[in-house]
Protein backbone atom coordinates (compact mmCIF):
# COMPACT_ATOMS: atom_id res chain seq x y z
CA MET A 1 -122.33 -200.83 105.53
CA THR A 2 -122.78 -203.90 103.25
CA SER A 3 -123.38 -207.38 105.28
CA SER A 4 -120.99 -209.17 102.60
CA VAL A 5 -117.80 -207.38 103.85
CA LEU A 6 -118.61 -208.00 107.77
CA LYS A 7 -117.71 -210.40 109.15
CA PRO A 8 -120.40 -212.81 110.80
CA ALA A 9 -122.17 -212.36 114.41
CA ALA A 10 -121.32 -215.13 115.60
CA GLU A 11 -117.79 -214.97 114.38
CA LEU A 12 -116.87 -211.96 116.09
CA ALA A 13 -118.63 -213.40 119.14
CA SER A 14 -115.68 -215.91 119.46
CA THR A 15 -113.44 -213.72 119.86
CA ASN A 16 -115.05 -213.01 123.40
CA THR A 17 -112.39 -213.43 126.19
CA GLU A 18 -114.57 -211.74 129.15
CA ARG A 19 -115.66 -213.50 132.02
CA VAL A 20 -116.97 -213.17 135.55
CA PRO A 21 -116.22 -214.84 138.59
CA ASN A 22 -118.55 -217.67 139.33
CA GLU A 23 -120.72 -217.85 136.27
CA SER A 24 -121.75 -221.44 134.93
CA ALA A 25 -121.62 -223.22 132.32
CA GLU A 26 -125.46 -222.36 131.23
CA TYR A 27 -124.37 -218.95 131.45
CA ARG A 28 -121.76 -218.40 129.55
CA ARG A 29 -123.59 -219.86 126.47
CA ALA A 30 -126.49 -218.16 127.02
CA ARG A 31 -124.78 -214.70 127.09
CA GLN A 32 -122.61 -215.61 124.01
CA ALA A 33 -125.97 -216.31 122.60
CA LEU A 34 -126.61 -212.99 123.38
CA LEU A 35 -124.01 -210.99 122.23
CA VAL A 36 -124.40 -212.23 118.46
CA GLU A 37 -128.26 -210.77 118.71
CA GLU A 38 -126.59 -207.26 120.39
CA ILE A 39 -124.00 -207.82 117.59
CA GLU A 40 -126.48 -208.21 115.00
CA LEU A 41 -128.94 -205.01 116.66
CA ARG A 42 -125.71 -202.83 116.68
CA ARG A 43 -125.62 -203.15 112.74
CA HIS A 44 -129.09 -203.59 111.99
CA ILE A 45 -129.29 -199.32 113.34
CA GLU A 46 -125.70 -198.25 111.27
CA ARG A 47 -128.14 -199.97 108.80
CA VAL A 48 -131.05 -198.00 109.74
CA ALA A 49 -128.98 -194.48 110.13
CA GLU A 50 -127.40 -194.77 106.79
CA LEU A 51 -131.05 -195.08 105.09
CA ARG A 52 -131.83 -192.39 107.61
CA ARG A 53 -129.40 -189.91 106.20
CA ALA A 54 -129.97 -190.84 102.65
CA LEU A 55 -133.94 -190.21 102.48
CA PRO A 56 -134.70 -187.92 99.11
CA PRO A 57 -135.17 -184.02 99.41
CA GLY A 58 -138.07 -183.09 102.54
CA GLY A 59 -141.33 -180.89 101.83
CA GLU A 60 -140.30 -177.40 101.33
CA VAL A 61 -140.67 -175.48 104.63
CA THR A 62 -143.02 -172.44 102.28
CA ARG A 63 -145.17 -171.21 105.36
CA THR A 64 -143.21 -168.39 107.63
CA TYR A 65 -143.94 -169.49 111.29
CA GLU A 66 -143.29 -167.39 114.17
CA PHE A 67 -142.01 -168.30 117.75
CA ILE A 68 -142.13 -166.84 120.96
CA GLY A 69 -137.86 -166.76 122.99
CA GLU A 70 -136.49 -165.50 125.53
CA SER A 71 -135.35 -162.64 124.11
CA GLY A 72 -138.77 -161.85 121.37
CA ALA A 73 -139.92 -162.95 118.62
CA ALA A 74 -138.63 -165.34 115.86
CA SER A 75 -138.85 -167.22 113.23
CA LEU A 76 -138.29 -170.82 111.98
CA ALA A 77 -135.22 -169.90 109.76
CA ASP A 78 -133.62 -167.95 113.24
CA LEU A 79 -133.64 -171.27 115.20
CA PHE A 80 -131.54 -172.04 112.68
CA GLY A 81 -128.49 -169.90 113.81
CA ASN A 82 -125.43 -170.19 111.91
CA LYS A 83 -126.39 -174.50 111.32
CA GLN A 84 -127.17 -175.99 108.96
CA THR A 85 -129.62 -178.51 110.36
CA LEU A 86 -132.15 -177.70 113.36
CA ILE A 87 -133.61 -180.51 115.54
CA ILE A 88 -136.83 -179.49 117.35
CA TYR A 89 -138.57 -180.95 120.54
CA SER A 90 -141.75 -179.96 120.75
CA TYR A 91 -143.02 -180.87 124.54
CA MET A 92 -146.03 -181.02 126.02
CA PHE A 93 -147.16 -178.37 128.24
CA GLY A 94 -149.81 -176.82 126.82
CA PRO A 95 -151.61 -174.22 128.31
CA GLN A 96 -154.13 -176.21 129.71
CA ARG A 97 -151.78 -178.33 131.99
CA GLU A 98 -150.99 -176.49 135.60
CA LYS A 99 -147.63 -178.48 135.28
CA PRO A 100 -144.98 -180.04 132.05
CA CYS A 101 -145.35 -183.73 131.26
CA PRO A 102 -142.85 -185.43 133.46
CA MET A 103 -141.50 -187.68 130.86
CA CYS A 104 -140.86 -185.12 128.51
CA THR A 105 -138.97 -183.16 131.23
CA SER A 106 -136.73 -186.07 131.85
CA PHE A 107 -136.32 -186.80 128.65
CA MET A 108 -134.82 -182.28 128.22
CA GLY A 109 -133.52 -182.67 131.86
CA THR A 110 -131.27 -185.84 130.23
CA TRP A 111 -130.54 -183.54 126.87
CA GLU A 112 -129.54 -180.16 129.39
CA GLN A 113 -125.91 -181.20 130.11
CA LYS A 114 -125.55 -183.04 125.99
CA LEU A 115 -126.54 -179.58 124.47
CA PRO A 116 -122.93 -178.03 124.16
CA ASP A 117 -121.64 -181.07 122.24
CA ILE A 118 -125.18 -181.55 120.25
CA GLU A 119 -124.62 -177.71 119.88
CA GLN A 120 -121.44 -177.71 118.04
CA ARG A 121 -123.40 -179.34 114.57
CA VAL A 122 -126.79 -178.83 114.82
CA SER A 123 -128.64 -176.43 116.25
CA PHE A 124 -131.48 -178.13 119.14
CA VAL A 125 -134.45 -175.53 120.42
CA PHE A 126 -137.42 -177.00 122.64
CA VAL A 127 -141.00 -175.76 121.62
CA ALA A 128 -144.26 -176.16 123.53
CA ARG A 129 -147.25 -174.61 123.07
CA SER A 130 -147.77 -171.96 126.69
CA PRO A 131 -147.09 -168.73 126.67
CA ILE A 132 -142.66 -167.86 127.07
CA ALA A 133 -143.31 -167.24 130.49
CA ARG A 134 -144.46 -170.45 131.47
CA LEU A 135 -141.75 -171.64 129.37
CA ILE A 136 -139.12 -169.69 130.94
CA GLU A 137 -140.90 -170.14 134.74
CA ALA A 138 -140.70 -174.28 134.01
CA LYS A 139 -137.32 -173.99 133.17
CA LYS A 140 -136.10 -171.95 136.19
CA ALA A 141 -137.55 -174.18 138.26
CA ARG A 142 -135.96 -177.26 136.71
CA GLY A 143 -132.64 -175.44 136.90
CA TRP A 144 -132.14 -175.95 133.82
CA THR A 145 -129.81 -172.99 132.00
CA ARG A 146 -129.06 -174.24 128.48
CA HIS A 147 -132.82 -174.72 126.77
CA LYS A 148 -132.97 -173.00 123.96
CA VAL A 149 -137.53 -172.67 124.91
CA TYR A 150 -139.86 -170.96 122.77
CA SER A 151 -143.34 -170.95 122.24
CA ASP A 152 -145.79 -171.55 119.42
CA ALA A 153 -148.15 -168.95 120.32
CA SER A 154 -150.55 -169.03 117.49
CA GLY A 155 -149.59 -172.69 116.86
CA ASP A 156 -149.24 -172.70 112.96
CA TYR A 157 -146.55 -174.89 113.54
CA THR A 158 -147.46 -177.42 115.67
CA ARG A 159 -150.61 -178.19 114.15
CA ASP A 160 -148.34 -178.42 110.87
CA TYR A 161 -145.87 -180.38 112.36
CA VAL A 162 -146.46 -182.01 115.54
CA SER A 163 -150.38 -182.73 115.65
CA LYS A 164 -153.04 -181.67 113.38
CA ASP A 165 -155.93 -180.92 116.03
CA ASP A 166 -153.34 -179.37 117.90
CA SER A 167 -152.81 -181.97 120.99
CA ASP A 168 -150.61 -181.76 124.08
CA VAL A 169 -148.96 -184.61 122.18
CA PRO A 170 -144.38 -184.35 121.80
CA GLY A 171 -142.95 -184.44 118.16
CA TYR A 172 -139.67 -184.29 116.79
CA ASN A 173 -138.91 -183.14 114.04
CA VAL A 174 -135.61 -182.35 112.38
CA PHE A 175 -134.62 -180.15 109.38
CA THR A 176 -132.35 -178.67 106.91
CA ARG A 177 -131.55 -175.36 105.55
CA ASP A 178 -129.78 -175.47 102.11
CA ASP A 179 -128.69 -172.12 100.08
CA GLY A 180 -131.79 -170.57 101.88
CA THR A 181 -134.25 -172.73 101.38
CA ILE A 182 -135.84 -174.69 104.66
CA ARG A 183 -136.96 -178.62 104.39
CA HIS A 184 -138.43 -181.65 106.52
CA PHE A 185 -135.59 -183.71 107.19
CA TRP A 186 -137.20 -186.50 109.34
CA ALA A 187 -139.85 -186.82 112.40
CA GLY A 188 -140.33 -189.85 114.85
CA GLU A 189 -143.31 -191.35 113.32
CA MET A 190 -144.00 -194.11 115.52
CA GLY A 191 -147.40 -193.80 117.94
CA ALA A 192 -150.76 -196.00 119.15
CA GLY A 193 -151.45 -197.34 115.59
CA THR A 194 -146.94 -199.06 115.44
CA MET A 195 -146.34 -200.51 118.85
CA ASP A 196 -146.17 -203.65 119.24
CA PRO A 197 -148.53 -205.40 121.78
CA GLY A 198 -147.62 -204.85 125.62
CA GLN A 199 -145.24 -202.15 124.96
CA ASP A 200 -146.08 -198.13 125.03
CA PRO A 201 -145.51 -196.01 121.85
CA ARG A 202 -142.06 -195.35 121.51
CA GLY A 203 -139.48 -195.33 118.66
CA ALA A 204 -135.69 -196.52 118.00
CA PRO A 205 -133.25 -196.41 119.28
CA ASP A 206 -134.70 -194.58 121.86
CA MET A 207 -133.67 -190.74 122.57
CA ASP A 208 -133.37 -191.24 125.95
CA PRO A 209 -130.13 -193.51 127.47
CA LEU A 210 -133.25 -193.78 130.68
CA TRP A 211 -134.82 -196.62 128.69
CA THR A 212 -131.28 -197.80 127.45
CA LEU A 213 -130.39 -198.30 130.40
CA LEU A 214 -132.95 -199.87 132.10
CA ASP A 215 -132.88 -202.28 129.35
CA THR A 216 -129.68 -204.07 130.95
CA THR A 217 -131.76 -204.16 134.26
CA ARG A 218 -133.14 -207.91 135.35
CA GLU A 219 -136.73 -205.61 135.80
CA GLY A 220 -135.88 -203.68 132.34
CA ARG A 221 -138.57 -200.83 132.10
CA GLY A 222 -141.31 -201.72 134.23
CA THR A 223 -145.10 -200.60 134.16
CA ASP A 224 -145.71 -199.70 137.52
CA TRP A 225 -143.57 -196.08 137.94
CA TYR A 226 -143.46 -192.96 135.93
CA PRO A 227 -141.11 -190.26 135.69
CA LYS A 228 -141.30 -187.32 138.81
CA LEU A 229 -141.35 -184.00 138.25
CA ASN A 230 -139.95 -183.70 142.26
CA TYR A 231 -138.80 -186.55 144.29
């Protein structure tokens, strides 16, 4: 995408004929101005996605990482299946936790229904530091049937790609495989050091529609609540 071939966002917004019953002129002016910004946001998301896809080759994976899945031991290469791209979401459910992280659980619950669509193009697996028996038990408790869960029993992968201190934190990593060579492609790198005042650490665009949906409401995301494991 190049901005030179795009019509100005304000010009596109001016074609909008949507009107809501009983809206005021003040509301319509503000809504049209917001529409311009929404168009610009859409374009910026596209530019960021293009920059991400255009990244040069990432670091080659030279270590052999072993995981324990529901069917036994598996290497990092095994996690690709028949795909050339692998997404690994590392969720917060280390041995020190009595229960999985509610926020990670919320994310994963949303993705459960999307996995068949996602897996048409890429492999998507979920890794945590607890023994596989605990991961399977937690998965069954949520009623999940599509998640491919793996235990990073040794912690080697977690320390290299999620937390060098083996902290119980989430991580989102993407790997590629070309001609047998596995490379790291991209990872979420927004954290406490990159957050803006008054916001919790998060990336952009949001990986979970929970936040996108709340951002369309008057109340917004709020700061007085947190996802629950049970309601």
